[in-house]
All heavy atoms as atom14 arrays in JSON, in Angstrom:
{
  "sequence": "EEIGVDGVIAKGNEAGGWVSNEMAFILLQQFLSHLTLPVLVQGGIG",
  "atom14_mask": [
    [1, 1, 1, 1, 1, 1, 1, 1, 1, 0, 0, 0, 0, 0],
    [1, 1, 1, 1, 1, 1, 1, 1, 1, 0, 0, 0, 0, 0],
    [1, 1, 1, 1, 1, 1, 1, 1, 0, 0, 0, 0, 0, 0],
    [1, 1, 1, 1, 0, 0, 0, 0, 0, 0, 0, 0, 0, 0],
    [1, 1, 1, 1, 1, 1, 1, 0, 0, 0, 0, 0, 0, 0],
    [1, 1, 1, 1, 1, 1, 1, 1, 0, 0, 0, 0, 0, 0],
    [1, 1, 1, 1, 0, 0, 0, 0, 0, 0, 0, 0, 0, 0],
    [1, 1, 1, 1, 1, 1, 1, 0, 0, 0, 0, 0, 0, 0],
    [1, 1, 1, 1, 1, 1, 1, 1, 0, 0, 0, 0, 0, 0],
    [1, 1, 1, 1, 1, 0, 0, 0, 0, 0, 0, 0, 0, 0],
    [1, 1, 1, 1, 1, 1, 1, 1, 1, 0, 0, 0, 0, 0],
    [1, 1, 1, 1, 0, 0, 0, 0, 0, 0, 0, 0, 0, 0],
    [1, 1, 1, 1, 1, 1, 1, 1, 0, 0, 0, 0, 0, 0],
    [1, 1, 1, 1, 1, 1, 1, 1, 1, 0, 0, 0, 0, 0],
    [1, 1, 1, 1, 1, 0, 0, 0, 0, 0, 0, 0, 0, 0],
    [1, 1, 1, 1, 0, 0, 0, 0, 0, 0, 0, 0, 0, 0],
    [1, 1, 1, 1, 0, 0, 0, 0, 0, 0, 0, 0, 0, 0],
    [1, 1, 1, 1, 1, 1, 1, 1, 1, 1, 1, 1, 1, 1],
    [1, 1, 1, 1, 1, 1, 1, 0, 0, 0, 0, 0, 0, 0],
    [1, 1, 1, 1, 1, 1, 0, 0, 0, 0, 0, 0, 0, 0],
    [1, 1, 1, 1, 1, 1, 1, 1, 0, 0, 0, 0, 0, 0],
    [1, 1, 1, 1, 1, 1, 1, 1, 1, 0, 0, 0, 0, 0],
    [1, 1, 1, 1, 1, 1, 1, 1, 0, 0, 0, 0, 0, 0],
    [1, 1, 1, 1, 1, 0, 0, 0, 0, 0, 0, 0, 0, 0],
    [1, 1, 1, 1, 1, 1, 1, 1, 1, 1, 1, 0, 0, 0],
    [1, 1, 1, 1, 1, 1, 1, 1, 0, 0, 0, 0, 0, 0],
    [1, 1, 1, 1, 1, 1, 1, 1, 0, 0, 0, 0, 0, 0],
    [1, 1, 1, 1, 1, 1, 1, 1, 0, 0, 0, 0, 0, 0],
    [1, 1, 1, 1, 1, 1, 1, 1, 1, 0, 0, 0, 0, 0],
    [1, 1, 1, 1, 1, 1, 1, 1, 1, 0, 0, 0, 0, 0],
    [1, 1, 1, 1, 1, 1, 1, 1, 1, 1, 1, 0, 0, 0],
    [1, 1, 1, 1, 1, 1, 1, 1, 0, 0, 0, 0, 0, 0],
    [1, 1, 1, 1, 1, 1, 0, 0, 0, 0, 0, 0, 0, 0],
    [1, 1, 1, 1, 1, 1, 1, 1, 1, 1, 0, 0, 0, 0],
    [1, 1, 1, 1, 1, 1, 1, 1, 0, 0, 0, 0, 0, 0],
    [1, 1, 1, 1, 1, 1, 1, 0, 0, 0, 0, 0, 0, 0],
    [1, 1, 1, 1, 1, 1, 1, 1, 0, 0, 0, 0, 0, 0],
    [1, 1, 1, 1, 1, 1, 1, 0, 0, 0, 0, 0, 0, 0],
    [1, 1, 1, 1, 1, 1, 1, 0, 0, 0, 0, 0, 0, 0],
    [1, 1, 1, 1, 1, 1, 1, 1, 0, 0, 0, 0, 0, 0],
    [1, 1, 1, 1, 1, 1, 1, 0, 0, 0, 0, 0, 0, 0],
    [1, 1, 1, 1, 1, 1, 1, 1, 1, 0, 0, 0, 0, 0],
    [1, 1, 1, 1, 0, 0, 0, 0, 0, 0, 0, 0, 0, 0],
    [1, 1, 1, 1, 0, 0, 0, 0, 0, 0, 0, 0, 0, 0],
    [1, 1, 1, 1, 1, 1, 1, 1, 0, 0, 0, 0, 0, 0],
    [1, 1, 1, 1, 0, 0, 0, 0, 0, 0, 0, 0, 0, 0]
  ],
  "atom14_positions": [
    [[102.78, 98.78, 105.73], [103.12, 98.61, 104.32], [103.33, 99.99, 103.67], [104.25, 100.15, 102.85], [102.02, 97.84, 103.61], [102.35, 97.51, 102.16], [101.4, 96.48, 101.58], [100.17, 96.75, 101.61], [101.84, 95.43, 101.12], [0.0, 0.0, 0.0], [0.0, 0.0, 0.0], [0.0, 0.0, 0.0], [0.0, 0.0, 0.0], [0.0, 0.0, 0.0]],
    [[102.5, 100.95, 104.01], [102.65, 102.31, 103.47], [104.01, 102.9, 103.86], [104.65, 103.57, 103.06], [101.52, 103.2, 104.0], [100.15, 102.87, 103.48], [99.06, 103.66, 104.2], [99.42, 104.46, 105.09], [97.88, 103.46, 103.87], [0.0, 0.0, 0.0], [0.0, 0.0, 0.0], [0.0, 0.0, 0.0], [0.0, 0.0, 0.0], [0.0, 0.0, 0.0]],
    [[104.41, 102.65, 105.09], [105.67, 103.21, 105.58], [106.88, 102.51, 104.97], [107.94, 103.1, 104.78], [105.71, 103.12, 107.12], [104.65, 104.07, 107.72], [107.09, 103.47, 107.67], [104.42, 103.86, 109.18], [0.0, 0.0, 0.0], [0.0, 0.0, 0.0], [0.0, 0.0, 0.0], [0.0, 0.0, 0.0], [0.0, 0.0, 0.0], [0.0, 0.0, 0.0]],
    [[106.68, 101.22, 104.65], [107.77, 100.48, 104.0], [108.49, 99.49, 104.89], [109.68, 99.2, 104.66], [0.0, 0.0, 0.0], [0.0, 0.0, 0.0], [0.0, 0.0, 0.0], [0.0, 0.0, 0.0], [0.0, 0.0, 0.0], [0.0, 0.0, 0.0], [0.0, 0.0, 0.0], [0.0, 0.0, 0.0], [0.0, 0.0, 0.0], [0.0, 0.0, 0.0]],
    [[107.8, 98.94, 105.89], [108.44, 97.9, 106.7], [108.67, 96.66, 105.85], [108.11, 96.51, 104.77], [107.57, 97.54, 107.94], [107.39, 98.76, 108.83], [106.23, 96.96, 107.53], [0.0, 0.0, 0.0], [0.0, 0.0, 0.0], [0.0, 0.0, 0.0], [0.0, 0.0, 0.0], [0.0, 0.0, 0.0], [0.0, 0.0, 0.0], [0.0, 0.0, 0.0]],
    [[109.52, 95.77, 106.34], [109.92, 94.6, 105.56], [109.0, 93.4, 105.73], [109.1, 92.42, 104.99], [111.35, 94.2, 105.93], [112.33, 95.36, 105.66], [112.61, 95.63, 104.49], [112.79, 95.99, 106.64], [0.0, 0.0, 0.0], [0.0, 0.0, 0.0], [0.0, 0.0, 0.0], [0.0, 0.0, 0.0], [0.0, 0.0, 0.0], [0.0, 0.0, 0.0]],
    [[108.11, 93.46, 106.7], [107.18, 92.38, 106.95], [106.33, 92.7, 108.17], [106.62, 93.67, 108.9], [0.0, 0.0, 0.0], [0.0, 0.0, 0.0], [0.0, 0.0, 0.0], [0.0, 0.0, 0.0], [0.0, 0.0, 0.0], [0.0, 0.0, 0.0], [0.0, 0.0, 0.0], [0.0, 0.0, 0.0], [0.0, 0.0, 0.0], [0.0, 0.0, 0.0]],
    [[105.28, 91.92, 108.37], [104.41, 92.17, 109.52], [104.14, 90.86, 110.25], [104.16, 89.78, 109.66], [103.05, 92.79, 109.11], [103.27, 94.2, 108.55], [102.33, 91.91, 108.1], [0.0, 0.0, 0.0], [0.0, 0.0, 0.0], [0.0, 0.0, 0.0], [0.0, 0.0, 0.0], [0.0, 0.0, 0.0], [0.0, 0.0, 0.0], [0.0, 0.0, 0.0]],
    [[103.9, 90.98, 111.55], [103.47, 89.86, 112.37], [101.97, 90.01, 112.62], [101.53, 91.06, 113.1], [104.22, 89.82, 113.7], [105.7, 89.57, 113.48], [103.63, 88.74, 114.63], [106.54, 89.71, 114.74], [0.0, 0.0, 0.0], [0.0, 0.0, 0.0], [0.0, 0.0, 0.0], [0.0, 0.0, 0.0], [0.0, 0.0, 0.0], [0.0, 0.0, 0.0]],
    [[101.2, 89.0, 112.28], [99.77, 88.98, 112.6], [99.63, 88.34, 113.97], [99.67, 87.11, 114.1], [99.01, 88.19, 111.53], [0.0, 0.0, 0.0], [0.0, 0.0, 0.0], [0.0, 0.0, 0.0], [0.0, 0.0, 0.0], [0.0, 0.0, 0.0], [0.0, 0.0, 0.0], [0.0, 0.0, 0.0], [0.0, 0.0, 0.0], [0.0, 0.0, 0.0]],
    [[99.47, 89.16, 115.0], [99.42, 88.66, 116.38], [97.97, 88.46, 116.79], [97.24, 89.41, 117.05], [100.13, 89.63, 117.32], [100.32, 89.05, 118.72], [101.13, 89.99, 119.59], [101.36, 89.37, 120.98], [102.05, 90.3, 121.9], [0.0, 0.0, 0.0], [0.0, 0.0, 0.0], [0.0, 0.0, 0.0], [0.0, 0.0, 0.0], [0.0, 0.0, 0.0]],
    [[97.56, 87.19, 116.85], [96.17, 86.86, 117.12], [95.8, 86.86, 118.58], [96.65, 87.02, 119.46], [0.0, 0.0, 0.0], [0.0, 0.0, 0.0], [0.0, 0.0, 0.0], [0.0, 0.0, 0.0], [0.0, 0.0, 0.0], [0.0, 0.0, 0.0], [0.0, 0.0, 0.0], [0.0, 0.0, 0.0], [0.0, 0.0, 0.0], [0.0, 0.0, 0.0]],
    [[94.53, 86.63, 118.84], [93.97, 86.69, 120.18], [94.53, 85.62, 121.11], [94.5, 85.76, 122.33], [92.44, 86.58, 120.12], [91.77, 86.84, 121.43], [91.41, 85.89, 122.13], [91.6, 88.09, 121.79], [0.0, 0.0, 0.0], [0.0, 0.0, 0.0], [0.0, 0.0, 0.0], [0.0, 0.0, 0.0], [0.0, 0.0, 0.0], [0.0, 0.0, 0.0]],
    [[95.06, 84.53, 120.54], [95.57, 83.43, 121.37], [96.91, 83.75, 122.02], [97.34, 83.07, 122.94], [95.75, 82.16, 120.53], [94.54, 81.76, 119.73], [94.58, 82.27, 118.31], [95.03, 83.42, 118.1], [94.17, 81.53, 117.41], [0.0, 0.0, 0.0], [0.0, 0.0, 0.0], [0.0, 0.0, 0.0], [0.0, 0.0, 0.0], [0.0, 0.0, 0.0]],
    [[97.63, 84.75, 121.49], [98.95, 85.09, 122.0], [98.86, 85.75, 123.37], [97.78, 86.03, 123.88], [99.68, 86.0, 121.02], [0.0, 0.0, 0.0], [0.0, 0.0, 0.0], [0.0, 0.0, 0.0], [0.0, 0.0, 0.0], [0.0, 0.0, 0.0], [0.0, 0.0, 0.0], [0.0, 0.0, 0.0], [0.0, 0.0, 0.0], [0.0, 0.0, 0.0]],
    [[100.01, 86.02, 123.98], [100.05, 86.69, 125.26], [100.34, 88.17, 125.08], [100.87, 88.61, 124.07], [0.0, 0.0, 0.0], [0.0, 0.0, 0.0], [0.0, 0.0, 0.0], [0.0, 0.0, 0.0], [0.0, 0.0, 0.0], [0.0, 0.0, 0.0], [0.0, 0.0, 0.0], [0.0, 0.0, 0.0], [0.0, 0.0, 0.0], [0.0, 0.0, 0.0]],
    [[99.99, 88.96, 126.11], [100.26, 90.39, 126.04], [99.26, 91.1, 125.16], [98.07, 90.75, 125.13], [0.0, 0.0, 0.0], [0.0, 0.0, 0.0], [0.0, 0.0, 0.0], [0.0, 0.0, 0.0], [0.0, 0.0, 0.0], [0.0, 0.0, 0.0], [0.0, 0.0, 0.0], [0.0, 0.0, 0.0], [0.0, 0.0, 0.0], [0.0, 0.0, 0.0]],
    [[99.74, 92.11, 124.45], [98.89, 92.91, 123.54], [98.46, 92.04, 122.37], [99.29, 91.5, 121.66], [99.7, 94.11, 123.08], [99.03, 95.04, 122.13], [97.84, 95.68, 122.31], [99.53, 95.43, 120.84], [97.57, 96.45, 121.21], [98.58, 96.34, 120.3], [100.67, 95.14, 120.11], [98.74, 96.93, 119.06], [100.86, 95.73, 118.86], [99.89, 96.62, 118.36]],
    [[97.16, 91.89, 122.17], [96.67, 90.96, 121.17], [95.54, 91.58, 120.34], [95.07, 92.69, 120.62], [96.14, 89.65, 121.81], [97.27, 88.9, 122.49], [95.0, 89.93, 122.78], [0.0, 0.0, 0.0], [0.0, 0.0, 0.0], [0.0, 0.0, 0.0], [0.0, 0.0, 0.0], [0.0, 0.0, 0.0], [0.0, 0.0, 0.0], [0.0, 0.0, 0.0]],
    [[95.12, 90.82, 119.33], [94.01, 91.23, 118.45], [92.69, 90.74, 119.0], [92.64, 89.83, 119.83], [94.24, 90.66, 117.06], [93.13, 90.88, 116.22], [0.0, 0.0, 0.0], [0.0, 0.0, 0.0], [0.0, 0.0, 0.0], [0.0, 0.0, 0.0], [0.0, 0.0, 0.0], [0.0, 0.0, 0.0], [0.0, 0.0, 0.0], [0.0, 0.0, 0.0]],
    [[91.6, 91.31, 118.49], [90.28, 90.76, 118.77], [90.04, 89.5, 117.95], [89.15, 88.71, 118.28], [89.2, 91.79, 118.44], [89.1, 92.89, 119.51], [89.17, 92.6, 120.68], [88.95, 94.12, 119.06], [0.0, 0.0, 0.0], [0.0, 0.0, 0.0], [0.0, 0.0, 0.0], [0.0, 0.0, 0.0], [0.0, 0.0, 0.0], [0.0, 0.0, 0.0]],
    [[90.82, 89.33, 116.87], [90.63, 88.22, 115.96], [91.59, 87.08, 116.31], [92.7, 87.31, 116.83], [90.91, 88.65, 114.52], [90.02, 89.79, 114.04], [88.61, 89.34, 113.72], [88.31, 88.14, 113.85], [87.79, 90.2, 113.33], [0.0, 0.0, 0.0], [0.0, 0.0, 0.0], [0.0, 0.0, 0.0], [0.0, 0.0, 0.0], [0.0, 0.0, 0.0]],
    [[91.18, 85.86, 115.98], [92.09, 84.72, 116.12], [93.2, 84.83, 115.08], [93.03, 85.46, 114.03], [91.31, 83.42, 115.94], [90.11, 83.28, 116.85], [90.56, 83.24, 118.61], [91.02, 81.51, 118.78], [0.0, 0.0, 0.0], [0.0, 0.0, 0.0], [0.0, 0.0, 0.0], [0.0, 0.0, 0.0], [0.0, 0.0, 0.0], [0.0, 0.0, 0.0]],
    [[94.33, 84.22, 115.36], [95.5, 84.39, 114.52], [95.27, 83.97, 113.06], [95.68, 84.65, 112.13], [96.68, 83.61, 115.1], [0.0, 0.0, 0.0], [0.0, 0.0, 0.0], [0.0, 0.0, 0.0], [0.0, 0.0, 0.0], [0.0, 0.0, 0.0], [0.0, 0.0, 0.0], [0.0, 0.0, 0.0], [0.0, 0.0, 0.0], [0.0, 0.0, 0.0]],
    [[94.58, 82.84, 112.85], [94.4, 82.34, 111.49], [93.46, 83.25, 110.71], [93.63, 83.44, 109.5], [93.88, 80.91, 111.5], [94.12, 80.17, 110.23], [95.38, 79.72, 109.9], [93.09, 79.94, 109.34], [95.62, 79.03, 108.7], [93.31, 79.26, 108.13], [94.58, 78.81, 107.83], [0.0, 0.0, 0.0], [0.0, 0.0, 0.0], [0.0, 0.0, 0.0]],
    [[92.46, 83.82, 111.38], [91.56, 84.78, 110.73], [92.33, 86.03, 110.34], [92.17, 86.56, 109.23], [90.38, 85.14, 111.65], [89.56, 83.9, 112.01], [89.51, 86.2, 111.01], [88.93, 83.21, 110.81], [0.0, 0.0, 0.0], [0.0, 0.0, 0.0], [0.0, 0.0, 0.0], [0.0, 0.0, 0.0], [0.0, 0.0, 0.0], [0.0, 0.0, 0.0]],
    [[93.16, 86.49, 111.25], [93.98, 87.68, 110.99], [94.92, 87.43, 109.81], [95.09, 88.29, 108.94], [94.79, 88.01, 112.25], [95.2, 89.47, 112.47], [93.99, 90.37, 112.55], [96.04, 89.59, 113.73], [0.0, 0.0, 0.0], [0.0, 0.0, 0.0], [0.0, 0.0, 0.0], [0.0, 0.0, 0.0], [0.0, 0.0, 0.0], [0.0, 0.0, 0.0]],
    [[95.5, 86.25, 109.75], [96.39, 85.88, 108.65], [95.66, 85.99, 107.32], [96.18, 86.56, 106.35], [96.93, 84.47, 108.85], [97.66, 83.85, 107.65], [98.93, 84.65, 107.34], [98.0, 82.38, 107.92], [0.0, 0.0, 0.0], [0.0, 0.0, 0.0], [0.0, 0.0, 0.0], [0.0, 0.0, 0.0], [0.0, 0.0, 0.0], [0.0, 0.0, 0.0]],
    [[94.47, 85.45, 107.24], [93.71, 85.48, 105.98], [93.37, 86.9, 105.56], [93.42, 87.24, 104.38], [92.43, 84.64, 106.15], [92.69, 83.16, 106.33], [91.41, 82.37, 106.58], [90.63, 82.13, 105.66], [91.18, 81.99, 107.83], [0.0, 0.0, 0.0], [0.0, 0.0, 0.0], [0.0, 0.0, 0.0], [0.0, 0.0, 0.0], [0.0, 0.0, 0.0]],
    [[93.07, 87.76, 106.54], [92.8, 89.16, 106.23], [94.04, 89.83, 105.64], [93.97, 90.55, 104.63], [92.37, 89.92, 107.48], [91.01, 89.49, 108.04], [90.68, 90.25, 109.32], [91.47, 91.07, 109.8], [89.52, 89.96, 109.87], [0.0, 0.0, 0.0], [0.0, 0.0, 0.0], [0.0, 0.0, 0.0], [0.0, 0.0, 0.0], [0.0, 0.0, 0.0]],
    [[95.18, 89.58, 106.27], [96.43, 90.19, 105.82], [96.81, 89.73, 104.41], [97.2, 90.54, 103.56], [97.56, 89.85, 106.79], [97.53, 90.63, 108.08], [96.37, 91.24, 108.53], [98.67, 90.73, 108.86], [96.34, 91.94, 109.72], [98.65, 91.45, 110.05], [97.48, 92.05, 110.48], [0.0, 0.0, 0.0], [0.0, 0.0, 0.0], [0.0, 0.0, 0.0]],
    [[96.68, 88.43, 104.17], [97.07, 87.89, 102.87], [96.17, 88.42, 101.76], [96.61, 88.51, 100.61], [97.02, 86.36, 102.92], [98.06, 85.69, 103.82], [97.84, 84.19, 103.85], [99.5, 86.0, 103.35], [0.0, 0.0, 0.0], [0.0, 0.0, 0.0], [0.0, 0.0, 0.0], [0.0, 0.0, 0.0], [0.0, 0.0, 0.0], [0.0, 0.0, 0.0]],
    [[94.95, 88.77, 102.09], [94.02, 89.26, 101.09], [94.26, 90.73, 100.72], [93.81, 91.19, 99.67], [92.57, 89.11, 101.57], [92.25, 87.74, 101.77], [0.0, 0.0, 0.0], [0.0, 0.0, 0.0], [0.0, 0.0, 0.0], [0.0, 0.0, 0.0], [0.0, 0.0, 0.0], [0.0, 0.0, 0.0], [0.0, 0.0, 0.0], [0.0, 0.0, 0.0]],
    [[94.95, 91.47, 101.59], [95.08, 92.91, 101.38], [96.51, 93.43, 101.36], [96.71, 94.63, 101.11], [94.3, 93.65, 102.49], [92.84, 93.45, 102.45], [92.21, 92.39, 103.09], [91.84, 94.13, 101.83], [90.9, 92.45, 102.89], [90.65, 93.49, 102.12], [0.0, 0.0, 0.0], [0.0, 0.0, 0.0], [0.0, 0.0, 0.0], [0.0, 0.0, 0.0]],
    [[97.49, 92.57, 101.62], [98.88, 93.04, 101.71], [99.75, 92.3, 100.73], [99.46, 91.18, 100.31], [99.44, 92.83, 103.12], [98.7, 93.48, 104.3], [99.34, 93.02, 105.61], [98.71, 94.99, 104.19], [0.0, 0.0, 0.0], [0.0, 0.0, 0.0], [0.0, 0.0, 0.0], [0.0, 0.0, 0.0], [0.0, 0.0, 0.0], [0.0, 0.0, 0.0]],
    [[100.85, 92.93, 100.34], [101.89, 92.24, 99.54], [103.11, 91.91, 100.39], [104.01, 91.24, 99.93], [102.32, 93.14, 98.36], [102.84, 94.38, 98.87], [101.15, 93.44, 97.45], [0.0, 0.0, 0.0], [0.0, 0.0, 0.0], [0.0, 0.0, 0.0], [0.0, 0.0, 0.0], [0.0, 0.0, 0.0], [0.0, 0.0, 0.0], [0.0, 0.0, 0.0]],
    [[103.12, 92.39, 101.63], [104.24, 92.15, 102.54], [104.28, 90.68, 103.02], [103.24, 90.03, 103.1], [104.12, 93.04, 103.78], [104.41, 94.51, 103.64], [104.08, 95.21, 104.95], [105.88, 94.73, 103.3], [0.0, 0.0, 0.0], [0.0, 0.0, 0.0], [0.0, 0.0, 0.0], [0.0, 0.0, 0.0], [0.0, 0.0, 0.0], [0.0, 0.0, 0.0]],
    [[105.47, 90.18, 103.38], [105.54, 88.87, 104.06], [104.82, 88.96, 105.4], [104.95, 89.93, 106.12], [107.05, 88.66, 104.26], [107.71, 89.56, 103.27], [106.81, 90.73, 103.09], [0.0, 0.0, 0.0], [0.0, 0.0, 0.0], [0.0, 0.0, 0.0], [0.0, 0.0, 0.0], [0.0, 0.0, 0.0], [0.0, 0.0, 0.0], [0.0, 0.0, 0.0]],
    [[104.07, 87.9, 105.7], [103.29, 87.86, 106.95], [103.74, 86.69, 107.81], [103.8, 85.55, 107.33], [101.77, 87.75, 106.67], [100.99, 87.71, 107.99], [101.29, 88.89, 105.79], [0.0, 0.0, 0.0], [0.0, 0.0, 0.0], [0.0, 0.0, 0.0], [0.0, 0.0, 0.0], [0.0, 0.0, 0.0], [0.0, 0.0, 0.0], [0.0, 0.0, 0.0]],
    [[104.05, 86.96, 109.06], [104.34, 85.93, 110.05], [103.17, 85.85, 111.03], [102.47, 86.85, 111.24], [105.63, 86.21, 110.82], [106.91, 86.22, 109.98], [107.19, 87.63, 109.44], [108.11, 85.77, 110.81], [0.0, 0.0, 0.0], [0.0, 0.0, 0.0], [0.0, 0.0, 0.0], [0.0, 0.0, 0.0], [0.0, 0.0, 0.0], [0.0, 0.0, 0.0]],
    [[102.95, 84.7, 111.62], [101.79, 84.5, 112.51], [102.23, 84.21, 113.93], [103.13, 83.42, 114.16], [100.91, 83.33, 111.99], [99.64, 83.24, 112.81], [100.59, 83.49, 110.52], [0.0, 0.0, 0.0], [0.0, 0.0, 0.0], [0.0, 0.0, 0.0], [0.0, 0.0, 0.0], [0.0, 0.0, 0.0], [0.0, 0.0, 0.0], [0.0, 0.0, 0.0]],
    [[101.55, 84.85, 114.88], [101.8, 84.62, 116.3], [100.49, 84.39, 117.02], [99.53, 85.13, 116.84], [102.54, 85.81, 116.92], [102.88, 85.61, 118.39], [103.7, 86.75, 118.96], [104.06, 87.68, 118.24], [104.0, 86.7, 120.24], [0.0, 0.0, 0.0], [0.0, 0.0, 0.0], [0.0, 0.0, 0.0], [0.0, 0.0, 0.0], [0.0, 0.0, 0.0]],
    [[100.46, 83.33, 117.82], [99.25, 83.01, 118.59], [98.73, 81.65, 118.25], [98.37, 81.37, 117.11], [0.0, 0.0, 0.0], [0.0, 0.0, 0.0], [0.0, 0.0, 0.0], [0.0, 0.0, 0.0], [0.0, 0.0, 0.0], [0.0, 0.0, 0.0], [0.0, 0.0, 0.0], [0.0, 0.0, 0.0], [0.0, 0.0, 0.0], [0.0, 0.0, 0.0]],
    [[98.73, 80.74, 119.23], [98.22, 79.39, 119.0], [99.09, 78.54, 118.1], [98.58, 77.63, 117.45], [0.0, 0.0, 0.0], [0.0, 0.0, 0.0], [0.0, 0.0, 0.0], [0.0, 0.0, 0.0], [0.0, 0.0, 0.0], [0.0, 0.0, 0.0], [0.0, 0.0, 0.0], [0.0, 0.0, 0.0], [0.0, 0.0, 0.0], [0.0, 0.0, 0.0]],
    [[100.37, 78.83, 118.06], [101.26, 78.11, 117.15], [101.73, 76.8, 117.77], [102.21, 76.77, 118.9], [102.48, 78.98, 116.78], [102.03, 80.26, 116.09], [103.45, 78.2, 115.92], [101.24, 80.02, 114.82], [0.0, 0.0, 0.0], [0.0, 0.0, 0.0], [0.0, 0.0, 0.0], [0.0, 0.0, 0.0], [0.0, 0.0, 0.0], [0.0, 0.0, 0.0]],
    [[101.59, 75.72, 117.02], [102.04, 74.4, 117.49], [102.4, 73.54, 116.3], [102.51, 74.02, 115.16], [0.0, 0.0, 0.0], [0.0, 0.0, 0.0], [0.0, 0.0, 0.0], [0.0, 0.0, 0.0], [0.0, 0.0, 0.0], [0.0, 0.0, 0.0], [0.0, 0.0, 0.0], [0.0, 0.0, 0.0], [0.0, 0.0, 0.0], [0.0, 0.0, 0.0]]
  ]
}
């Protein structure tokens, strides 16, 4: 957000490859509470 990207992907622990320690929905809530950028979610999507 500081750099000025157009949006972020919250890639949770359920996804494949490089992942977060947090589950995707927890990561989403953190992002929404602290960012103004559009947030997309990856991990455990159905």
